[in-house]
């Protein structure tokens, strides 16, 4: 995600931070803005009475938490905070810190898979929703997404070190497996969400009750932010793959834009939710006027 390394003439990897130049300041600022926006977003979501008893709020909260973690780590990475900077500046510390920065981002991939399946039951199989083992265990599954994603982030640092003593093909195979572990869940989420789209198209010809209307509204929002996240992620995947196999093909500006798009996503999906939800807007006014 960050890829802030270059090679000196001696062939030694040198960490090249950009936290004090224009790009570093921009990324850190966008990250801080995304962090503040999503913290405020989480507060409003937690106060909305319409979501108090709806399972959808749990999914939405985890999506927001992933955005908060991603923007916070990214902002800290480029702000050169004392301690954080000294660890990252070392050759051993940089790989670990860079992978931890990516941890909430790739946790989102698994969260969207859980969200896609949850929406499938909510829209396509409403009669099985309450009795489904998946729905019953979704809280545990969401916690596991964080735990397993963190474990894999640590493995992404340790395994390449071990594989350096083996033939070059071993490291290439690991890189390919790493991409599968991180991106397949995100792509698989398209399967249940596609079925949801088909069902929603059928529901347009029907008269539906209030609860179903809320479920329909929630499903539409999940599909919107999933599409947005998938677009940014595939752009990042393509740029990462090109930079890994031939860094000369990707400009420095393009590498930095990849990081800014992640922060922009965290802001845009909040704006979309607020724009589409009148109750959300009322809760913002209620919060502001109480504090005025």
Protein backbone atom coordinates (compact mmCIF):
# COMPACT_ATOMS: atom_id res chain seq x y z
CA UNK A 1 0.00 0.00 0.00
CA UNK A 2 2.76 2.42 0.87
CA UNK A 3 5.71 0.95 -1.03
CA UNK A 4 8.05 3.67 0.24
CA UNK A 5 11.26 1.90 -0.71
CA UNK A 6 13.90 2.38 -3.34
CA UNK A 7 17.29 0.87 -4.13
CA UNK A 8 20.61 2.55 -3.80
CA UNK A 9 23.48 2.00 -6.21
CA UNK A 10 24.85 -0.66 -3.87
CA UNK A 11 21.58 -2.59 -4.12
CA UNK A 12 20.60 -1.99 -0.49
CA UNK A 13 16.98 -1.24 0.20
CA UNK A 14 16.56 2.25 1.58
CA UNK A 15 13.37 3.51 3.16
CA UNK A 16 12.24 6.70 1.43
CA UNK A 17 9.59 8.48 3.46
CA UNK A 18 7.74 11.48 2.11
CA UNK A 19 6.06 12.62 5.29
CA UNK A 20 7.60 16.10 5.36
CA UNK A 21 7.08 16.98 1.70
CA UNK A 22 3.87 18.05 -0.02
CA UNK A 23 2.70 14.49 -0.71
CA UNK A 24 3.35 13.32 2.82
CA UNK A 25 1.49 16.28 4.31
CA UNK A 26 -1.41 15.78 1.88
CA UNK A 27 -1.77 12.08 2.66
CA UNK A 28 -1.56 12.67 6.39
CA UNK A 29 -4.12 15.50 6.17
CA UNK A 30 -6.58 13.45 4.10
CA UNK A 31 -6.09 10.56 6.52
CA UNK A 32 -6.81 12.79 9.52
CA UNK A 33 -9.91 14.20 7.80
CA UNK A 34 -11.16 10.69 7.06
CA UNK A 35 -10.48 9.64 10.66
CA UNK A 36 -12.43 12.57 12.14
CA UNK A 37 -15.28 12.12 9.65
CA UNK A 38 -15.68 8.43 10.42
CA UNK A 39 -15.48 8.90 14.19
CA UNK A 40 -18.29 11.43 13.89
CA UNK A 41 -20.11 9.01 11.57
CA UNK A 42 -19.84 6.22 14.15
CA UNK A 43 -21.20 8.49 16.88
CA UNK A 44 -24.23 9.41 14.79
CA UNK A 45 -24.88 5.78 13.82
CA UNK A 46 -24.75 4.72 17.48
CA UNK A 47 -27.33 7.41 18.38
CA UNK A 48 -29.86 6.65 15.63
CA UNK A 49 -32.97 5.08 17.13
CA UNK A 50 -33.95 3.61 13.75
CA UNK A 51 -30.90 1.35 13.89
CA UNK A 52 -31.08 0.34 17.56
CA UNK A 53 -32.58 -3.10 16.97
CA UNK A 54 -31.40 -3.70 13.43
CA UNK A 55 -28.59 -6.24 12.79
CA UNK A 56 -27.48 -4.04 9.88
CA UNK A 57 -26.00 -1.60 12.39
CA UNK A 58 -23.42 -4.18 13.47
CA UNK A 59 -22.16 -4.62 9.90
CA UNK A 60 -22.13 -0.88 9.33
CA UNK A 61 -20.21 -0.27 12.57
CA UNK A 62 -17.46 -2.70 11.56
CA UNK A 63 -17.16 -1.08 8.13
CA UNK A 64 -16.77 2.30 9.84
CA UNK A 65 -14.23 0.92 12.34
CA UNK A 66 -12.14 -0.44 9.46
CA UNK A 67 -12.22 2.99 7.81
CA UNK A 68 -11.21 4.62 11.10
CA UNK A 69 -8.28 2.24 11.58
CA UNK A 70 -7.12 2.56 7.99
CA UNK A 71 -7.19 6.37 8.00
CA UNK A 72 -5.58 6.58 11.46
CA UNK A 73 -2.67 4.27 10.60
CA UNK A 74 -2.14 5.90 7.22
CA UNK A 75 -2.14 9.39 8.72
CA UNK A 76 0.31 8.32 11.45
CA UNK A 77 2.54 6.61 8.88
CA UNK A 78 3.03 9.84 6.93
CA UNK A 79 2.97 12.31 9.82
CA UNK A 80 6.35 11.15 11.17
CA UNK A 81 5.22 10.93 14.78
CA UNK A 82 8.07 10.34 17.26
CA UNK A 83 8.56 6.64 17.90
CA UNK A 84 6.37 5.63 14.99
CA UNK A 85 8.80 7.31 12.61
CA UNK A 86 11.91 5.85 14.25
CA UNK A 87 10.49 2.32 14.01
CA UNK A 88 9.40 2.80 10.41
CA UNK A 89 12.72 4.34 9.39
CA UNK A 90 14.65 1.19 10.22
CA UNK A 91 14.96 -1.50 7.57
CA UNK A 92 13.51 -4.12 9.93
CA UNK A 93 10.77 -1.90 11.28
CA UNK A 94 9.50 -0.65 7.93
CA UNK A 95 8.04 -3.97 6.64
CA UNK A 96 6.20 -4.57 9.92
CA UNK A 97 4.78 -1.05 10.16
CA UNK A 98 3.76 -0.98 6.49
CA UNK A 99 1.85 -4.26 6.89
CA UNK A 100 0.12 -3.08 10.08
CA UNK A 101 -0.97 0.05 8.22
CA UNK A 102 -2.70 -2.22 5.70
CA UNK A 103 -4.37 -4.41 8.34
CA UNK A 104 -7.71 -2.50 8.70
CA UNK A 105 -7.89 -2.01 4.95
CA UNK A 106 -7.74 -5.73 4.18
CA UNK A 107 -10.01 -6.52 7.10
CA UNK A 108 -12.59 -4.56 5.10
CA UNK A 109 -12.35 -7.21 2.37
CA UNK A 110 -13.62 -9.87 4.76
CA UNK A 111 -16.19 -7.53 6.33
CA UNK A 112 -17.71 -6.91 2.91
CA UNK A 113 -17.95 -10.66 2.35
CA UNK A 114 -19.82 -11.04 5.65
CA UNK A 115 -21.97 -8.02 4.72
CA UNK A 116 -22.78 -9.50 1.33
CA UNK A 117 -23.94 -12.80 2.82
CA UNK A 118 -25.92 -11.01 5.53
CA UNK A 119 -27.70 -8.91 2.90
CA UNK A 120 -28.41 -12.04 0.87
CA UNK A 121 -30.29 -13.57 3.81
CA UNK A 122 -32.02 -10.28 4.59
CA UNK A 123 -33.29 -9.65 1.05
CA UNK A 124 -33.38 -13.04 -0.69
CA UNK A 125 -34.11 -15.40 2.24
CA UNK A 126 -35.98 -13.31 4.85
CA UNK A 127 -37.81 -16.33 6.27
CA UNK A 128 -34.51 -18.06 7.00
CA UNK A 129 -32.82 -14.94 8.38
CA UNK A 130 -33.44 -15.47 12.09
CA UNK A 131 -32.82 -19.23 11.99
CA UNK A 132 -29.61 -19.06 9.94
CA UNK A 133 -26.46 -20.21 11.73
CA UNK A 134 -24.49 -17.65 9.77
CA UNK A 135 -26.65 -14.78 11.03
CA UNK A 136 -26.53 -16.20 14.55
CA UNK A 137 -22.71 -16.25 14.48
CA UNK A 138 -22.13 -13.03 12.51
CA UNK A 139 -20.79 -11.14 15.55
CA UNK A 140 -18.15 -13.83 16.08
CA UNK A 141 -17.36 -13.88 12.35
CA UNK A 142 -16.81 -10.13 12.31
CA UNK A 143 -14.41 -10.36 15.25
CA UNK A 144 -12.58 -13.19 13.48
CA UNK A 145 -12.11 -11.01 10.40
CA UNK A 146 -10.02 -8.63 12.51
CA UNK A 147 -8.05 -11.36 14.26
CA UNK A 148 -7.28 -13.41 11.15
CA UNK A 149 -6.42 -10.33 9.08
CA UNK A 150 -3.96 -9.19 11.73
CA UNK A 151 -2.37 -12.64 11.92
CA UNK A 152 -1.96 -12.66 8.16
CA UNK A 153 -0.44 -9.15 8.26
CA UNK A 154 2.20 -10.47 10.66
CA UNK A 155 2.75 -13.55 8.49
CA UNK A 156 3.30 -11.28 5.48
CA UNK A 157 6.36 -9.93 7.29
CA UNK A 158 7.74 -13.22 8.63
CA UNK A 159 7.25 -15.57 5.68
CA UNK A 160 9.24 -13.56 3.06
CA UNK A 161 12.18 -13.46 5.48
CA UNK A 162 12.13 -17.27 5.66
CA UNK A 163 11.67 -17.67 1.91
CA UNK A 164 14.69 -15.52 1.03
CA UNK A 165 16.94 -18.52 1.64
CA UNK A 166 14.89 -20.60 -0.81
CA UNK A 167 14.71 -20.36 -4.63
CA UNK A 168 13.28 -17.13 -6.06
CA UNK A 169 10.15 -18.93 -7.24
CA UNK A 170 9.12 -19.59 -3.63
CA UNK A 171 8.84 -15.89 -2.89
CA UNK A 172 6.91 -15.32 -6.12
CA UNK A 173 4.49 -18.09 -5.19
CA UNK A 174 3.97 -16.52 -1.77
CA UNK A 175 3.26 -13.13 -3.36
CA UNK A 176 0.62 -14.73 -5.56
CA UNK A 177 -0.91 -16.55 -2.58
CA UNK A 178 -0.88 -13.31 -0.60
CA UNK A 179 -2.94 -11.59 -3.29
CA UNK A 180 -5.44 -14.45 -3.26
CA UNK A 181 -5.84 -14.37 0.53
CA UNK A 182 -6.37 -10.62 0.53
CA UNK A 183 -8.50 -10.03 -2.56
CA UNK A 184 -10.53 -13.20 -3.14
CA UNK A 185 -12.91 -12.45 -0.20
CA UNK A 186 -13.61 -9.00 -1.62
CA UNK A 187 -14.32 -10.39 -5.09
CA UNK A 188 -16.44 -13.24 -3.69
CA UNK A 189 -18.65 -10.67 -1.96
CA UNK A 190 -19.93 -9.77 -5.44
CA UNK A 191 -21.70 -13.16 -5.69
CA UNK A 192 -24.32 -12.70 -2.90
CA UNK A 193 -24.63 -8.98 -3.70
CA UNK A 194 -25.42 -9.79 -7.34
CA UNK A 195 -28.23 -12.04 -6.14
CA UNK A 196 -29.42 -9.19 -3.93
CA UNK A 197 -29.52 -6.85 -6.94
CA UNK A 198 -31.69 -9.32 -8.85
CA UNK A 199 -34.09 -9.64 -5.94
CA UNK A 200 -34.28 -5.88 -5.48
CA UNK A 201 -35.15 -5.47 -9.15
CA UNK A 202 -38.00 -7.96 -8.63
CA UNK A 203 -39.14 -6.13 -5.49
CA UNK A 204 -39.61 -2.92 -7.45
CA UNK A 205 -42.80 -4.40 -8.89
CA UNK A 206 -44.15 -5.27 -5.44
CA UNK A 207 -45.75 -3.37 -2.56
CA UNK A 208 -43.48 -3.89 0.45
CA UNK A 209 -43.94 -3.14 4.16
CA UNK A 210 -41.92 -0.71 6.27
CA UNK A 211 -39.37 -3.26 7.55
CA UNK A 212 -38.71 -4.51 4.05
CA UNK A 213 -38.26 -0.94 2.87
CA UNK A 214 -35.58 -0.39 5.50
CA UNK A 215 -33.88 -3.65 4.52
CA UNK A 216 -34.01 -2.58 0.87
CA UNK A 217 -32.49 0.81 1.72
CA UNK A 218 -29.71 -0.86 3.73
CA UNK A 219 -28.93 -3.29 0.90
CA UNK A 220 -28.70 -0.48 -1.65
CA UNK A 221 -26.24 1.41 0.56
CA UNK A 222 -24.07 -1.68 1.07
CA UNK A 223 -23.95 -2.23 -2.69
CA UNK A 224 -23.02 1.41 -3.33
CA UNK A 225 -20.11 1.49 -0.90
CA UNK A 226 -19.01 -2.01 -1.94
CA UNK A 227 -18.84 -0.88 -5.57
CA UNK A 228 -16.90 2.21 -4.54
CA UNK A 229 -14.50 0.24 -2.36
CA UNK A 230 -14.03 -2.43 -5.04
CA UNK A 231 -13.16 0.21 -7.64
CA UNK A 232 -10.50 1.80 -5.43
CA UNK A 233 -9.17 -1.62 -4.37
CA UNK A 234 -8.81 -2.93 -7.91
CA UNK A 235 -6.98 0.26 -8.87
CA UNK A 236 -4.67 -0.29 -5.90
CA UNK A 237 -4.21 -3.96 -6.82
CA UNK A 238 -3.24 -3.14 -10.40
CA UNK A 239 -0.82 -0.42 -9.32
CA UNK A 240 0.69 -2.65 -6.61
CA UNK A 241 1.21 -5.52 -9.04
CA UNK A 242 2.88 -3.31 -11.62
CA UNK A 243 5.08 -1.62 -9.01
CA UNK A 244 6.18 -4.99 -7.63
CA UNK A 245 7.22 -6.55 -10.92
CA UNK A 246 8.50 -3.40 -12.64
CA UNK A 247 8.67 -0.29 -10.39
CA UNK A 248 9.87 1.90 -13.27
CA UNK A 249 6.44 1.68 -14.91
CA UNK A 250 4.68 3.49 -12.05
CA UNK A 251 5.35 7.13 -11.32
CA UNK A 252 5.90 8.48 -7.82
CA UNK A 253 2.72 10.56 -8.13
CA UNK A 254 0.62 7.50 -8.98
CA UNK A 255 1.92 5.65 -5.90
CA UNK A 256 0.90 8.54 -3.67
CA UNK A 257 -2.53 8.91 -5.31
CA UNK A 258 -3.25 5.29 -4.32
CA UNK A 259 -2.96 6.26 -0.66
CA UNK A 260 -5.11 9.37 -1.03
CA UNK A 261 -7.92 7.40 -2.70
CA UNK A 262 -8.19 5.21 0.40
CA UNK A 263 -8.78 8.29 2.55
CA UNK A 264 -11.26 9.71 0.04
CA UNK A 265 -13.28 6.49 0.14
CA UNK A 266 -13.66 6.82 3.92
CA UNK A 267 -15.07 10.33 3.47
CA UNK A 268 -17.24 9.68 0.40
CA UNK A 269 -19.14 6.69 1.81
CA UNK A 270 -20.02 8.76 4.89
CA UNK A 271 -21.34 11.59 2.71
CA UNK A 272 -23.37 9.11 0.65
CA UNK A 273 -24.99 7.61 3.74
CA UNK A 274 -25.83 11.01 5.18
CA UNK A 275 -27.21 12.27 1.87
CA UNK A 276 -29.51 9.27 1.46
CA UNK A 277 -30.75 9.06 5.07
CA UNK A 278 -33.09 11.73 6.45
CA UNK A 279 -32.96 10.24 9.95
CA UNK A 280 -29.17 10.58 9.87
CA UNK A 281 -29.49 14.25 8.98
CA UNK A 282 -31.96 14.82 11.80
CA UNK A 283 -29.60 13.15 14.27
CA UNK A 284 -26.77 15.47 13.19
CA UNK A 285 -28.97 18.53 13.74
CA UNK A 286 -30.09 17.19 17.11
CA UNK A 287 -26.49 16.61 18.19
CA UNK A 288 -25.27 20.02 17.02
CA UNK A 289 -28.12 21.98 18.59
CA UNK A 290 -27.70 20.18 21.92
CA UNK A 291 -24.05 21.17 22.03
CA UNK A 292 -24.63 24.72 20.83
